């Protein structure tokens, strides 16, 4: 089973099973302590693997413009229901596109407000 297929099956209960669990909340809080220092109102973020949109919604509530992608249609639907600008897309489809990230979203990303956060920083 592919990762996307697994998350398709889990999407309806993902927040219940993970996001809203004690460990899930602790993880979210740890991630937000980092992202809240890095991203500010008016910044633009590309959320790759957005899941149900919990992190994207948090950033949007802080005034950050977020464009989100996930390989799972069901996860994208849940993120969209939260008001997140999400679409189906795979991280591997972005390989070689880092130089083009300024053109992602509407309006295009501004070079000065785009930060790429390596996974080891979260």
PDB file of N, CA and C in Angstrom:
ATOM      1  N   UNK A   1       0.850  -1.179   0.000  1.00  0.00           N
ATOM      2  CA  UNK A   1       0.000   0.000   0.000  1.00  0.00           C
ATOM      3  C   UNK A   1       0.896   1.242   0.000  1.00  0.00           C
ATOM      4  N   UNK A   2       0.595   2.192  -0.856  1.00  0.00           N
ATOM      5  CA  UNK A   2       1.372   3.431  -0.919  1.00  0.00           C
ATOM      6  C   UNK A   2       1.068   4.298   0.304  1.00  0.00           C
ATOM      7  N   UNK A   3       1.955   5.223   0.572  1.00  0.00           N
ATOM      8  CA  UNK A   3       1.757   6.152   1.683  1.00  0.00           C
ATOM      9  C   UNK A   3       0.482   6.962   1.477  1.00  0.00           C
ATOM     10  N   UNK A   4       0.277   7.437   0.243  1.00  0.00           N
ATOM     11  CA  UNK A   4      -0.930   8.226  -0.044  1.00  0.00           C
ATOM     12  C   UNK A   4      -2.188   7.395   0.205  1.00  0.00           C
ATOM     13  N   UNK A   5      -2.160   6.123  -0.193  1.00  0.00           N
ATOM     14  CA  UNK A   5      -3.322   5.247   0.012  1.00  0.00           C
ATOM     15  C   UNK A   5      -3.580   5.035   1.504  1.00  0.00           C
ATOM     16  N   UNK A   6      -2.518   4.896   2.278  1.00  0.00           N
ATOM     17  CA  UNK A   6      -2.667   4.733   3.725  1.00  0.00           C
ATOM     18  C   UNK A   6      -3.331   5.968   4.328  1.00  0.00           C
ATOM     19  N   UNK A   7      -2.865   7.150   3.939  1.00  0.00           N
ATOM     20  CA  UNK A   7      -3.459   8.368   4.478  1.00  0.00           C
ATOM     21  C   UNK A   7      -4.873   8.598   3.956  1.00  0.00           C
ATOM     22  N   UNK A   8      -5.174   8.116   2.765  1.00  0.00           N
ATOM     23  CA  UNK A   8      -6.562   8.160   2.276  1.00  0.00           C
ATOM     24  C   UNK A   8      -7.475   7.440   3.262  1.00  0.00           C
ATOM     25  N   UNK A   9      -7.010   6.282   3.719  1.00  0.00           N
ATOM     26  CA  UNK A   9      -7.810   5.470   4.645  1.00  0.00           C
ATOM     27  C   UNK A   9      -7.894   6.095   6.026  1.00  0.00           C
ATOM     28  N   UNK A  10      -6.854   6.796   6.438  1.00  0.00           N
ATOM     29  CA  UNK A  10      -6.803   7.372   7.787  1.00  0.00           C
ATOM     30  C   UNK A  10      -7.390   8.775   7.886  1.00  0.00           C
ATOM     31  N   UNK A  11      -7.576   9.445   6.785  1.00  0.00           N
ATOM     32  CA  UNK A  11      -7.927  10.870   6.793  1.00  0.00           C
ATOM     33  C   UNK A  11      -9.118  11.210   7.681  1.00  0.00           C
ATOM     34  N   UNK A  12     -10.170  10.437   7.601  1.00  0.00           N
ATOM     35  CA  UNK A  12     -11.388  10.751   8.353  1.00  0.00           C
ATOM     36  C   UNK A  12     -11.156  10.744   9.865  1.00  0.00           C
ATOM     37  N   UNK A  13     -10.190   9.935  10.322  1.00  0.00           N
ATOM     38  CA  UNK A  13      -9.948   9.815  11.764  1.00  0.00           C
ATOM     39  C   UNK A  13      -8.564  10.309  12.177  1.00  0.00           C
ATOM     40  N   UNK A  14      -7.800  10.879  11.236  1.00  0.00           N
ATOM     41  CA  UNK A  14      -6.421  11.261  11.532  1.00  0.00           C
ATOM     42  C   UNK A  14      -6.320  12.226  12.713  1.00  0.00           C
ATOM     43  N   UNK A  15      -7.128  13.265  12.707  1.00  0.00           N
ATOM     44  CA  UNK A  15      -7.062  14.234  13.805  1.00  0.00           C
ATOM     45  C   UNK A  15      -7.426  13.580  15.134  1.00  0.00           C
ATOM     46  N   UNK A  16      -8.441  12.746  15.109  1.00  0.00           N
ATOM     47  CA  UNK A  16      -8.850  12.041  16.330  1.00  0.00           C
ATOM     48  C   UNK A  16      -7.736  11.117  16.834  1.00  0.00           C
ATOM     49  N   UNK A  17      -7.114  10.380  15.905  1.00  0.00           N
ATOM     50  CA  UNK A  17      -6.112   9.389  16.279  1.00  0.00           C
ATOM     51  C   UNK A  17      -4.745   9.998  16.595  1.00  0.00           C
ATOM     52  N   UNK A  18      -4.391  11.095  15.919  1.00  0.00           N
ATOM     53  CA  UNK A  18      -3.052  11.659  16.123  1.00  0.00           C
ATOM     54  C   UNK A  18      -3.090  13.114  16.567  1.00  0.00           C
ATOM     55  N   UNK A  19      -3.606  13.995  15.739  1.00  0.00           N
ATOM     56  CA  UNK A  19      -3.507  15.430  15.992  1.00  0.00           C
ATOM     57  C   UNK A  19      -4.020  15.811  17.375  1.00  0.00           C
ATOM     58  N   UNK A  20      -5.150  15.270  17.775  1.00  0.00           N
ATOM     59  CA  UNK A  20      -5.764  15.638  19.044  1.00  0.00           C
ATOM     60  C   UNK A  20      -5.336  14.762  20.211  1.00  0.00           C
ATOM     61  N   UNK A  21      -4.427  13.818  19.971  1.00  0.00           N
ATOM     62  CA  UNK A  21      -3.903  12.988  21.062  1.00  0.00           C
ATOM     63  C   UNK A  21      -2.899  13.813  21.874  1.00  0.00           C
ATOM     64  N   UNK A  22      -2.577  13.354  23.058  1.00  0.00           N
ATOM     65  CA  UNK A  22      -1.626  14.084  23.910  1.00  0.00           C
ATOM     66  C   UNK A  22      -0.273  14.238  23.213  1.00  0.00           C
ATOM     67  N   UNK A  23       0.237  13.186  22.624  1.00  0.00           N
ATOM     68  CA  UNK A  23       1.536  13.254  21.956  1.00  0.00           C
ATOM     69  C   UNK A  23       1.447  14.091  20.676  1.00  0.00           C
ATOM     70  N   UNK A  24       0.330  13.994  19.972  1.00  0.00           N
ATOM     71  CA  UNK A  24       0.123  14.815  18.783  1.00  0.00           C
ATOM     72  C   UNK A  24       0.100  16.297  19.122  1.00  0.00           C
ATOM     73  N   UNK A  25      -0.594  16.656  20.210  1.00  0.00           N
ATOM     74  CA  UNK A  25      -0.639  18.055  20.664  1.00  0.00           C
ATOM     75  C   UNK A  25       0.752  18.517  21.077  1.00  0.00           C
ATOM     76  N   UNK A  26       1.497  17.658  21.770  1.00  0.00           N
ATOM     77  CA  UNK A  26       2.860  18.023  22.185  1.00  0.00           C
ATOM     78  C   UNK A  26       3.730  18.276  20.953  1.00  0.00           C
ATOM     79  N   UNK A  27       3.582  17.438  19.932  1.00  0.00           N
ATOM     80  CA  UNK A  27       4.349  17.635  18.699  1.00  0.00           C
ATOM     81  C   UNK A  27       3.961  18.953  18.031  1.00  0.00           C
ATOM     82  N   UNK A  28       2.657  19.209  17.916  1.00  0.00           N
ATOM     83  CA  UNK A  28       2.196  20.448  17.297  1.00  0.00           C
ATOM     84  C   UNK A  28       2.788  21.645  18.033  1.00  0.00           C
ATOM     85  N   UNK A  29       2.711  21.634  19.363  1.00  0.00           N
ATOM     86  CA  UNK A  29       3.225  22.757  20.146  1.00  0.00           C
ATOM     87  C   UNK A  29       4.720  22.955  19.916  1.00  0.00           C
ATOM     88  N   UNK A  30       5.473  21.857  19.823  1.00  0.00           N
ATOM     89  CA  UNK A  30       6.919  21.952  19.566  1.00  0.00           C
ATOM     90  C   UNK A  30       7.179  22.543  18.185  1.00  0.00           C
ATOM     91  N   UNK A  31       6.438  22.087  17.196  1.00  0.00           N
ATOM     92  CA  UNK A  31       6.600  22.609  15.832  1.00  0.00           C
ATOM     93  C   UNK A  31       6.217  24.090  15.787  1.00  0.00           C
ATOM     94  N   UNK A  32       5.119  24.453  16.415  1.00  0.00           N
ATOM     95  CA  UNK A  32       4.671  25.835  16.371  1.00  0.00           C
ATOM     96  C   UNK A  32       5.629  26.778  17.094  1.00  0.00           C
ATOM     97  N   UNK A  33       6.318  26.299  18.142  1.00  0.00           N
ATOM     98  CA  UNK A  33       7.318  27.148  18.801  1.00  0.00           C
ATOM     99  C   UNK A  33       8.403  27.555  17.802  1.00  0.00           C
ATOM    100  N   UNK A  34       8.751  26.651  16.894  1.00  0.00           N
ATOM    101  CA  UNK A  34       9.764  26.946  15.873  1.00  0.00           C
ATOM    102  C   UNK A  34       9.169  27.807  14.762  1.00  0.00           C
ATOM    103  N   UNK A  35       8.036  27.368  14.200  1.00  0.00           N
ATOM    104  CA  UNK A  35       7.474  28.091  13.054  1.00  0.00           C
ATOM    105  C   UNK A  35       7.003  29.494  13.428  1.00  0.00           C
ATOM    106  N   UNK A  36       6.528  29.670  14.652  1.00  0.00           N
ATOM    107  CA  UNK A  36       6.067  30.998  15.067  1.00  0.00           C
ATOM    108  C   UNK A  36       7.213  32.008  15.109  1.00  0.00           C
ATOM    109  N   UNK A  37       8.435  31.538  15.353  1.00  0.00           N
ATOM    110  CA  UNK A  37       9.601  32.433  15.335  1.00  0.00           C
ATOM    111  C   UNK A  37      10.066  32.701  13.902  1.00  0.00           C
ATOM    112  N   UNK A  38       9.838  31.748  13.009  1.00  0.00           N
ATOM    113  CA  UNK A  38      10.353  31.858  11.641  1.00  0.00           C
ATOM    114  C   UNK A  38       9.436  32.596  10.682  1.00  0.00           C
ATOM    115  N   UNK A  39       8.132  32.408  10.828  1.00  0.00           N
ATOM    116  CA  UNK A  39       7.178  32.942   9.862  1.00  0.00           C
ATOM    117  C   UNK A  39       6.285  33.983  10.525  1.00  0.00           C
ATOM    118  N   UNK A  40       6.124  35.103   9.821  1.00  0.00           N
ATOM    119  CA  UNK A  40       5.389  36.238  10.377  1.00  0.00           C
ATOM    120  C   UNK A  40       4.287  36.665   9.406  1.00  0.00           C
ATOM    121  N   UNK A  41       3.352  37.445   9.917  1.00  0.00           N
ATOM    122  CA  UNK A  41       2.260  37.957   9.086  1.00  0.00           C
ATOM    123  C   UNK A  41       2.838  38.554   7.805  1.00  0.00           C
ATOM    124  N   UNK A  42       2.246  38.180   6.678  1.00  0.00           N
ATOM    125  CA  UNK A  42       2.697  38.658   5.381  1.00  0.00           C
ATOM    126  C   UNK A  42       3.665  37.720   4.676  1.00  0.00           C
ATOM    127  N   UNK A  43       4.290  36.799   5.436  1.00  0.00           N
ATOM    128  CA  UNK A  43       5.159  35.804   4.810  1.00  0.00           C
ATOM    129  C   UNK A  43       4.306  34.814   4.031  1.00  0.00           C
ATOM    130  N   UNK A  44       4.957  34.088   3.112  1.00  0.00           N
ATOM    131  CA  UNK A  44       4.284  33.064   2.310  1.00  0.00           C
ATOM    132  C   UNK A  44       5.005  31.745   2.526  1.00  0.00           C
ATOM    133  N   UNK A  45       4.218  30.688   2.728  1.00  0.00           N
ATOM    134  CA  UNK A  45       4.767  29.368   3.033  1.00  0.00           C
ATOM    135  C   UNK A  45       4.144  28.331   2.111  1.00  0.00           C
ATOM    136  N   UNK A  46       4.968  27.423   1.642  1.00  0.00           N
ATOM    137  CA  UNK A  46       4.496  26.249   0.922  1.00  0.00           C
ATOM    138  C   UNK A  46       4.579  25.084   1.897  1.00  0.00           C
ATOM    139  N   UNK A  47       3.432  24.548   2.294  1.00  0.00           N
ATOM    140  CA  UNK A  47       3.356  23.432   3.238  1.00  0.00           C
ATOM    141  C   UNK A  47       3.286  22.141   2.427  1.00  0.00           C
ATOM    142  N   UNK A  48       4.371  21.390   2.427  1.00  0.00           N
ATOM    143  CA  UNK A  48       4.462  20.144   1.656  1.00  0.00           C
ATOM    144  C   UNK A  48       4.106  18.985   2.585  1.00  0.00           C
ATOM    145  N   UNK A  49       3.073  18.245   2.226  1.00  0.00           N
ATOM    146  CA  UNK A  49       2.593  17.162   3.083  1.00  0.00           C
ATOM    147  C   UNK A  49       1.733  17.736   4.192  1.00  0.00           C
ATOM    148  N   UNK A  50       0.757  18.547   3.819  1.00  0.00           N
ATOM    149  CA  UNK A  50      -0.039  19.318   4.782  1.00  0.00           C
ATOM    150  C   UNK A  50      -0.985  18.481   5.623  1.00  0.00           C
ATOM    151  N   UNK A  51      -1.260  17.256   5.202  1.00  0.00           N
ATOM    152  CA  UNK A  51      -2.200  16.441   5.972  1.00  0.00           C
ATOM    153  C   UNK A  51      -3.546  17.121   6.083  1.00  0.00           C
ATOM    154  N   UNK A  52      -4.098  17.133   7.282  1.00  0.00           N
ATOM    155  CA  UNK A  52      -5.426  17.715   7.486  1.00  0.00           C
ATOM    156  C   UNK A  52      -5.388  19.237   7.617  1.00  0.00           C
ATOM    157  N   UNK A  53      -4.213  19.824   7.491  1.00  0.00           N
ATOM    158  CA  UNK A  53      -4.093  21.273   7.486  1.00  0.00           C
ATOM    159  C   UNK A  53      -3.940  21.934   8.840  1.00  0.00           C
ATOM    160  N   UNK A  54      -3.674  21.175   9.858  1.00  0.00           N
ATOM    161  CA  UNK A  54      -3.554  21.739  11.206  1.00  0.00           C
ATOM    162  C   UNK A  54      -2.471  22.817  11.279  1.00  0.00           C
ATOM    163  N   UNK A  55      -1.288  22.520  10.778  1.00  0.00           N
ATOM    164  CA  UNK A  55      -0.200  23.498  10.826  1.00  0.00           C
ATOM    165  C   UNK A  55      -0.483  24.678   9.913  1.00  0.00           C
ATOM    166  N   UNK A  56      -0.985  24.409   8.726  1.00  0.00           N
ATOM    167  CA  UNK A  56      -1.305  25.486   7.795  1.00  0.00           C
ATOM    168  C   UNK A  56      -2.355  26.419   8.388  1.00  0.00           C
ATOM    169  N   UNK A  57      -3.387  25.865   9.014  1.00  0.00           N
ATOM    170  CA  UNK A  57      -4.439  26.680   9.624  1.00  0.00           C
ATOM    171  C   UNK A  57      -3.860  27.543  10.752  1.00  0.00           C
ATOM    172  N   UNK A  58      -2.935  26.980  11.505  1.00  0.00           N
ATOM    173  CA  UNK A  58      -2.278  27.738  12.578  1.00  0.00           C
ATOM    174  C   UNK A  58      -1.535  28.943  11.992  1.00  0.00           C
ATOM    175  N   UNK A  59      -0.792  28.712  10.917  1.00  0.00           N
ATOM    176  CA  UNK A  59      -0.043  29.798  10.284  1.00  0.00           C
ATOM    177  C   UNK A  59      -0.977  30.843   9.679  1.00  0.00           C
ATOM    178  N   UNK A  60      -2.033  30.395   9.016  1.00  0.00           N
ATOM    179  CA  UNK A  60      -3.008  31.319   8.416  1.00  0.00           C
ATOM    180  C   UNK A  60      -3.615  32.211   9.503  1.00  0.00           C
ATOM    181  N   UNK A  61      -3.928  31.619  10.648  1.00  0.00           N
ATOM    182  CA  UNK A  61      -4.508  32.398  11.751  1.00  0.00           C
ATOM    183  C   UNK A  61      -3.537  33.480  12.241  1.00  0.00           C
ATOM    184  N   UNK A  62      -2.251  33.297  11.986  1.00  0.00           N
ATOM    185  CA  UNK A  62      -1.227  34.272  12.375  1.00  0.00           C
ATOM    186  C   UNK A  62      -0.910  35.246  11.244  1.00  0.00           C
ATOM    187  N   UNK A  63      -1.660  35.171  10.134  1.00  0.00           N
ATOM    188  CA  UNK A  63      -1.477  36.110   9.040  1.00  0.00           C
ATOM    189  C   UNK A  63      -0.484  35.675   7.981  1.00  0.00           C
ATOM    190  N   UNK A  64      -0.044  34.425   8.034  1.00  0.00           N
ATOM    191  CA  UNK A  64       0.888  33.886   7.044  1.00  0.00           C
ATOM    192  C   UNK A  64       0.064  33.334   5.879  1.00  0.00           C
ATOM    193  N   UNK A  65       0.460  33.634   4.664  1.00  0.00           N
ATOM    194  CA  UNK A  65      -0.209  33.085   3.472  1.00  0.00           C
ATOM    195  C   UNK A  65       0.367  31.692   3.223  1.00  0.00           C
ATOM    196  N   UNK A  66      -0.490  30.691   3.216  1.00  0.00           N
ATOM    197  CA  UNK A  66      -0.038  29.307   3.072  1.00  0.00           C
ATOM    198  C   UNK A  66      -0.665  28.679   1.839  1.00  0.00           C
ATOM    199  N   UNK A  67       0.174  28.069   1.024  1.00  0.00           N
ATOM    200  CA  UNK A  67      -0.269  27.204  -0.072  1.00  0.00           C
ATOM    201  C   UNK A  67       0.157  25.812   0.354  1.00  0.00           C
ATOM    202  N   UNK A  68      -0.776  24.875   0.382  1.00  0.00           N
ATOM    203  CA  UNK A  68      -0.498  23.551   0.927  1.00  0.00           C
ATOM    204  C   UNK A  68      -0.739  22.459  -0.102  1.00  0.00           C
ATOM    205  N   UNK A  69       0.105  21.426  -0.056  1.00  0.00           N
ATOM    206  CA  UNK A  69      -0.096  20.254  -0.908  1.00  0.00           C
ATOM    207  C   UNK A  69       0.010  18.991  -0.074  1.00  0.00           C
ATOM    208  N   UNK A  70      -0.678  17.965  -0.529  1.00  0.00           N
ATOM    209  CA  UNK A  70      -0.579  16.635   0.067  1.00  0.00           C
ATOM    210  C   UNK A  70      -0.907  15.627  -1.024  1.00  0.00           C
ATOM    211  N   UNK A  71      -0.310  14.443  -0.934  1.00  0.00           N
ATOM    212  CA  UNK A  71      -0.546  13.404  -1.935  1.00  0.00           C
ATOM    213  C   UNK A  71      -1.913  12.742  -1.778  1.00  0.00           C
ATOM    214  N   UNK A  72      -2.546  12.923  -0.634  1.00  0.00           N
ATOM    215  CA  UNK A  72      -3.838  12.297  -0.354  1.00  0.00           C
ATOM    216  C   UNK A  72      -4.991  13.257  -0.615  1.00  0.00           C
ATOM    217  N   UNK A  73      -5.860  12.889  -1.522  1.00  0.00           N
ATOM    218  CA  UNK A  73      -7.049  13.688  -1.818  1.00  0.00           C
ATOM    219  C   UNK A  73      -7.912  13.869  -0.568  1.00  0.00           C
ATOM    220  N   UNK A  74      -8.051  12.821   0.233  1.00  0.00           N
ATOM    221  CA  UNK A  74      -8.878  12.904   1.443  1.00  0.00           C
ATOM    222  C   UNK A  74      -8.275  13.873   2.463  1.00  0.00           C
ATOM    223  N   UNK A  75      -6.954  13.889   2.572  1.00  0.00           N
ATOM    224  CA  UNK A  75      -6.305  14.839   3.481  1.00  0.00           C
ATOM    225  C   UNK A  75      -6.481  16.263   2.967  1.00  0.00           C
ATOM    226  N   UNK A  76      -6.332  16.459   1.674  1.00  0.00           N
ATOM    227  CA  UNK A  76      -6.524  17.783   1.079  1.00  0.00           C
ATOM    228  C   UNK A  76      -7.954  18.265   1.326  1.00  0.00           C
ATOM    229  N   UNK A  77      -8.923  17.375   1.219  1.00  0.00           N
ATOM    230  CA  UNK A  77     -10.319  17.750   1.473  1.00  0.00           C
ATOM    231  C   UNK A  77     -10.498  18.222   2.905  1.00  0.00           C
ATOM    232  N   UNK A  78      -9.839  17.560   3.850  1.00  0.00           N
ATOM    233  CA  UNK A  78      -9.953  17.949   5.253  1.00  0.00           C
ATOM    234  C   UNK A  78      -9.256  19.288   5.497  1.00  0.00           C
ATOM    235  N   UNK A  79      -8.100  19.470   4.878  1.00  0.00           N
ATOM    236  CA  UNK A  79      -7.391  20.753   5.007  1.00  0.00           C
ATOM    237  C   UNK A  79      -8.232  21.883   4.401  1.00  0.00           C
ATOM    238  N   UNK A  80      -8.811  21.628   3.244  1.00  0.00           N
ATOM    239  CA  UNK A  80      -9.645  22.635   2.580  1.00  0.00           C
ATOM    240  C   UNK A  80     -10.852  22.992   3.440  1.00  0.00           C
ATOM    241  N   UNK A  81     -11.425  22.000   4.114  1.00  0.00           N
ATOM    242  CA  UNK A  81     -12.571  22.243   4.996  1.00  0.00           C
ATOM    243  C   UNK A  81     -12.189  23.166   6.159  1.00  0.00           C
ATOM    244  N   UNK A  82     -10.902  23.202   6.497  1.00  0.00           N
ATOM    245  CA  UNK A  82     -10.392  24.102   7.543  1.00  0.00           C
ATOM    246  C   UNK A  82     -10.133  25.497   6.989  1.00  0.00           C
ATOM    247  N   UNK A  83     -10.324  25.674   5.697  1.00  0.00           N
ATOM    248  CA  UNK A  83     -10.065  26.967   5.086  1.00  0.00           C
ATOM    249  C   UNK A  83      -8.658  27.128   4.540  1.00  0.00           C
ATOM    250  N   UNK A  84      -7.920  26.018   4.463  1.00  0.00           N
ATOM    251  CA  UNK A  84      -6.554  26.049   3.949  1.00  0.00           C
ATOM    252  C   UNK A  84      -6.591  25.937   2.427  1.00  0.00           C
ATOM    253  N   UNK A  85      -5.773  26.748   1.753  1.00  0.00           N
ATOM    254  CA  UNK A  85      -5.637  26.668   0.291  1.00  0.00           C
ATOM    255  C   UNK A  85      -4.774  25.450  -0.018  1.00  0.00           C
ATOM    256  N   UNK A  86      -5.420  24.307  -0.205  1.00  0.00           N
ATOM    257  CA  UNK A  86      -4.698  23.043  -0.383  1.00  0.00           C
ATOM    258  C   UNK A  86      -5.058  22.401  -1.707  1.00  0.00           C
ATOM    259  N   UNK A  87      -4.086  21.673  -2.244  1.00  0.00           N
ATOM    260  CA  UNK A  87      -4.335  20.911  -3.469  1.00  0.00           C
ATOM    261  C   UNK A  87      -3.531  19.620  -3.427  1.00  0.00           C
ATOM    262  N   UNK A  88      -3.957  18.668  -4.242  1.00  0.00           N
ATOM    263  CA  UNK A  88      -3.255  17.399  -4.320  1.00  0.00           C
ATOM    264  C   UNK A  88      -1.934  17.603  -5.053  1.00  0.00           C
ATOM    265  N   UNK A  89      -0.872  17.106  -4.458  1.00  0.00           N
ATOM    266  CA  UNK A  89       0.450  17.184  -5.056  1.00  0.00           C
ATOM    267  C   UNK A  89       1.426  16.372  -4.241  1.00  0.00           C
ATOM    268  N   UNK A  90       2.468  15.901  -4.878  1.00  0.00           N
ATOM    269  CA  UNK A  90       3.475  15.085  -4.211  1.00  0.00           C
ATOM    270  C   UNK A  90       4.762  15.881  -4.052  1.00  0.00           C
ATOM    271  N   UNK A  91       5.434  15.682  -2.940  1.00  0.00           N
ATOM    272  CA  UNK A  91       6.704  16.360  -2.686  1.00  0.00           C
ATOM    273  C   UNK A  91       7.711  16.045  -3.782  1.00  0.00           C
ATOM    274  N   UNK A  92       7.744  14.805  -4.225  1.00  0.00           N
ATOM    275  CA  UNK A  92       8.727  14.430  -5.251  1.00  0.00           C
ATOM    276  C   UNK A  92       8.482  15.140  -6.577  1.00  0.00           C
ATOM    277  N   UNK A  93       7.269  15.634  -6.795  1.00  0.00           N
ATOM    278  CA  UNK A  93       6.991  16.391  -8.014  1.00  0.00           C
ATOM    279  C   UNK A  93       7.654  17.774  -7.978  1.00  0.00           C
ATOM    280  N   UNK A  94       8.095  18.194  -6.793  1.00  0.00           N
ATOM    281  CA  UNK A  94       8.735  19.497  -6.646  1.00  0.00           C
ATOM    282  C   UNK A  94      10.245  19.434  -6.851  1.00  0.00           C
ATOM    283  N   UNK A  95      10.803  18.222  -6.958  1.00  0.00           N
ATOM    284  CA  UNK A  95      12.246  18.072  -7.158  1.00  0.00           C
ATOM    285  C   UNK A  95      12.655  18.878  -8.389  1.00  0.00           C
ATOM    286  N   UNK A  96      13.678  19.670  -8.233  1.00  0.00           N
ATOM    287  CA  UNK A  96      14.140  20.520  -9.325  1.00  0.00           C
ATOM    288  C   UNK A  96      13.365  21.812  -9.465  1.00  0.00           C
ATOM    289  N   UNK A  97      12.354  22.011  -8.623  1.00  0.00           N
ATOM    290  CA  UNK A  97      11.507  23.196  -8.730  1.00  0.00           C
ATOM    291  C   UNK A  97      11.805  24.243  -7.669  1.00  0.00           C
ATOM    292  N   UNK A  98      12.786  23.997  -6.803  1.00  0.00           N
ATOM    293  CA  UNK A  98      13.044  24.929  -5.707  1.00  0.00           C
ATOM    294  C   UNK A  98      13.285  26.335  -6.235  1.00  0.00           C
ATOM    295  N   UNK A  99      13.996  26.456  -7.341  1.00  0.00           N
ATOM    296  CA  UNK A  99      14.238  27.778  -7.923  1.00  0.00           C
ATOM    297  C   UNK A  99      12.974  28.442  -8.424  1.00  0.00           C
ATOM    298  N   UNK A 100      11.913  27.675  -8.620  1.00  0.00           N
ATOM    299  CA  UNK A 100      10.661  28.224  -9.125  1.00  0.00           C
ATOM    300  C   UNK A 100       9.638  28.493  -8.023  1.00  0.00           C
ATOM    301  N   UNK A 101      10.014  28.312  -6.770  1.00  0.00           N
ATOM    302  CA  UNK A 101       9.047  28.473  -5.689  1.00  0.00           C
ATOM    303  C   UNK A 101       8.473  29.880  -5.617  1.00  0.00           C
ATOM    304  N   UNK A 102       9.200  30.871  -6.124  1.00  0.00           N
ATOM    305  CA  UNK A 102       8.670  32.234  -6.096  1.00  0.00           C
ATOM    306  C   UNK A 102       7.388  32.361  -6.921  1.00  0.00           C
ATOM    307  N   UNK A 103       7.171  31.408  -7.840  1.00  0.00           N
ATOM    308  CA  UNK A 103       5.992  31.482  -8.702  1.00  0.00           C
ATOM    309  C   UNK A 103       4.831  30.654  -8.171  1.00  0.00           C
ATOM    310  N   UNK A 104       4.993  29.999  -7.024  1.00  0.00           N
ATOM    311  CA  UNK A 104       3.935  29.164  -6.457  1.00  0.00           C
ATOM    312  C   UNK A 104       2.920  30.057  -5.763  1.00  0.00           C
ATOM    313  N   UNK A 105       1.677  29.735  -5.928  1.00  0.00           N
ATOM    314  CA  UNK A 105       0.625  30.454  -5.227  1.00  0.00           C
ATOM    315  C   UNK A 105       0.157  31.670  -5.998  1.00  0.00           C
ATOM    316  N   UNK A 106      -0.785  32.357  -5.417  1.00  0.00           N
ATOM    317  CA  UNK A 106      -1.359  33.524  -6.049  1.00  0.00           C
ATOM    318  C   UNK A 106      -1.596  34.561  -4.963  1.00  0.00           C
ATOM    319  N   UNK A 107      -0.912  35.672  -4.935  1.00  0.00           N
ATOM    320  CA  UNK A 107       0.092  36.106  -5.893  1.00  0.00           C
ATOM    321  C   UNK A 107       1.387  35.328  -5.706  1.00  0.00           C
ATOM    322  N   UNK A 108       2.318  35.495  -6.638  1.00  0.00           N
ATOM    323  CA  UNK A 108       3.576  34.748  -6.551  1.00  0.00           C
ATOM    324  C   UNK A 108       4.300  35.012  -5.240  1.00  0.00           C
ATOM    325  N   UNK A 109       5.091  34.049  -4.824  1.00  0.00           N
ATOM    326  CA  UNK A 109       5.883  34.209  -3.615  1.00  0.00           C
ATOM    327  C   UNK A 109       6.932  35.296  -3.815  1.00  0.00           C
ATOM    328  N   UNK A 110       7.135  36.075  -2.819  1.00  0.00           N
ATOM    329  CA  UNK A 110       8.181  37.096  -2.877  1.00  0.00           C
ATOM    330  C   UNK A 110       9.485  36.481  -2.389  1.00  0.00           C
ATOM    331  N   UNK A 111      10.568  36.725  -3.085  1.00  0.00           N
ATOM    332  CA  UNK A 111      11.859  36.122  -2.741  1.00  0.00           C
ATOM    333  C   UNK A 111      12.257  36.443  -1.305  1.00  0.00           C
ATOM    334  N   UNK A 112      11.980  37.663  -0.845  1.00  0.00           N
ATOM    335  CA  UNK A 112      12.408  38.057   0.496  1.00  0.00           C
ATOM    336  C   UNK A 112      11.580  37.414   1.595  1.00  0.00           C
ATOM    337  N   UNK A 113      10.415  36.887   1.280  1.00  0.00           N
ATOM    338  CA  UNK A 113       9.564  36.329   2.325  1.00  0.00           C
ATOM    339  C   UNK A 113       9.480  34.811   2.259  1.00  0.00           C
ATOM    340  N   UNK A 114      10.301  34.203   1.424  1.00  0.00           N
ATOM    341  CA  UNK A 114      10.273  32.758   1.284  1.00  0.00           C
ATOM    342  C   UNK A 114      11.406  32.133   2.080  1.00  0.00           C
ATOM    343  N   UNK A 115      11.063  31.229   2.971  1.00  0.00           N
ATOM    344  CA  UNK A 115      12.066  30.502   3.731  1.00  0.00           C
ATOM    345  C   UNK A 115      11.821  29.021   3.522  1.00  0.00           C
ATOM    346  N   UNK A 116      12.891  28.274   3.302  1.00  0.00           N
ATOM    347  CA  UNK A 116      12.782  26.821   3.205  1.00  0.00           C
ATOM    348  C   UNK A 116      13.292  26.266   4.523  1.00  0.00           C
ATOM    349  N   UNK A 117      12.436  25.569   5.242  1.00  0.00           N
ATOM    350  CA  UNK A 117      12.762  25.054   6.561  1.00  0.00           C
ATOM    351  C   UNK A 117      13.185  23.597   6.440  1.00  0.00           C
ATOM    352  N   UNK A 118      14.483  23.300   6.631  1.00  0.00           N
ATOM    353  CA  UNK A 118      14.919  21.905   6.584  1.00  0.00           C
ATOM    354  C   UNK A 118      14.217  21.082   7.662  1.00  0.00           C
ATOM    355  N   UNK A 119      13.957  19.824   7.374  1.00  0.00           N
ATOM    356  CA  UNK A 119      13.244  18.950   8.304  1.00  0.00           C
ATOM    357  C   UNK A 119      13.934  18.880   9.672  1.00  0.00           C
ATOM    358  N   UNK A 120      15.252  18.946   9.714  1.00  0.00           N
ATOM    359  CA  UNK A 120      15.955  18.819  10.992  1.00  0.00           C
ATOM    360  C   UNK A 120      15.748  20.015  11.902  1.00  0.00           C
ATOM    361  N   UNK A 121      15.165  21.099  11.406  1.00  0.00           N
ATOM    362  CA  UNK A 121      14.912  22.270  12.247  1.00  0.00           C
ATOM    363  C   UNK A 121      13.569  22.210  12.936  1.00  0.00           C
ATOM    364  N   UNK A 122      12.728  21.229  12.609  1.00  0.00           N
ATOM    365  CA  UNK A 122      11.412  21.174  13.233  1.00  0.00           C
ATOM    366  C   UNK A 122      11.400  20.224  14.397  1.00  0.00           C
TER     367      UNK A 122
END
